[in-house]
Amino acid sequence: MKSHYNLLIVGGGPAGAIAARTAAQKGLSSCIVEKRSAIGAPVRCAEGIGREALTEFVKPDERWISAEMKGAAIVAPDGTMMKLESAFAGNKVGYILDRKVFDRELVWQAAEAGSDVAVKTRAAAPIMEDGVVKGAKLEYCGKESRVTADVVIAADGVESKFARWCGIDTTVPVREIMSGAQYVLTDIDIDPHSTIFYLGNEVAPEGYLWIFPKGDRSANVGIGISGKKSGSGHRAKDYLDRFVQKTFSNGKPIEFIVGGVSVCRPLECTVADGLIITGDAARVVDPLTGGGIYNAMFTGRLAAQVAADCIAQGNTGKKALMAYDAGWRASKMGKSIERNYHIKEYLIKLSDEKLNAIIHSVTKLNLTEFSTLTLIKELMKVNPRLVVELGALAASLR
């Protein structure tokens, strides 16, 4: 590890890896520092991503694709199932990844492009000079070092400690933290090419429960509920255990993970002097689904592109780096985050009776594409009342 880089990237997830790869391809010196001893572990993700979203950044590889999805279903509180099947034969909904392998592949690509990588290396504190981020103090096996950088990219996940140490308010209200738990279950009967989402206040209050196949008889079976709904005897794991006992009583758990996902609006500003914040650390997770892989890669790439331009111009101040903040907000991704936040706020207030009524109105949709926007538009066609209830948002969707 050198003592100075153009870009110092805190965090070795998809955002950090794509940032490092992009920077290296542009001829910048970069280094990823990851506090864990292994890239990609532990997995705190349902591992789903759309086909087009993935191929924008990397060519699919069977080594890290656990399953290809061709359909999906949403189950109402009363058990009614709404199936979503593509109108185009062979069109894929997307993939369920093996994040342990996928994340390492992204970091390998960054390393092959020329980036340095340091695992089991913790960014303990930022190096600040007159309010400007100049690098980080790093800890490795009890030893401390100082590494300076033209720009630091905070890609350290939902905890986002580094940005907070730099003076950025990264607080997430409890009601907007999704408390999650997930088993990897094997020896279970599932449709290996269809994801299933369960809704309802008895199943997953202000959230949802999912089954994401990872092969013929294996799946990620997990849940996310509102943080304000979590408490003794009714935590995410309690809801999940009841579901698993009822639905997959003979299933064999081979992995169990817990964690939190922010489902709030993004940070008010995602840059500072010498600093860019990406991925989960920037709160750019989809607030409706909790999905964040694509958004992380998108912001990681944009961060490196903007940083490269600013470094070339000799100006890495906040005003110059604002091109990143403005860029992702104006993008299709940024607009979908804002739209989905409003949809999420509407849906979490619905009673089970209302959810049942909506799903009863259309038990089978044949969509030309799989997206939240397409689904909401189709639901509005058969539920005119939704247009009134969603108000101005509904008008923008038409």
Foldseek 3Di string as FASTA:
>chain_A
DDQEWQEEEEALFLLRLLLLLLLLLVVTEYEYEAQAQAFQPPDDDQQWDAAVLVVVRDDDDPVWFLAWAQWEWEAAPVGQIAIEGAPDPPDTRTTRTNRSVVSVVSNVSSVVSPYHYHYSKHFPAFDDDPLATFFGWIDHPRDIDHHGHLAYEYAHAQVLVHVVRSVAPQDADQQQKWKKKKFWWFPAADDQHYKYWYDACLQAQLWIWIWHHRDRGITITMITHRSVQADVCDHRVNSSVVVCCVHPVPIDTPDMDIDIAGLAQFGPAQAARRYGYAWRSRNLQQNQHSDTSSRSNVLSSLQSVQSVVCVVVVGRGRVSSCCSVVVCCPDPSNVSSVLSSLVSVVVSPDHSVVSVVLCVQHRYDHDNHDDPLRVVLVSCVSVVVVCVVSDPSSVVSD
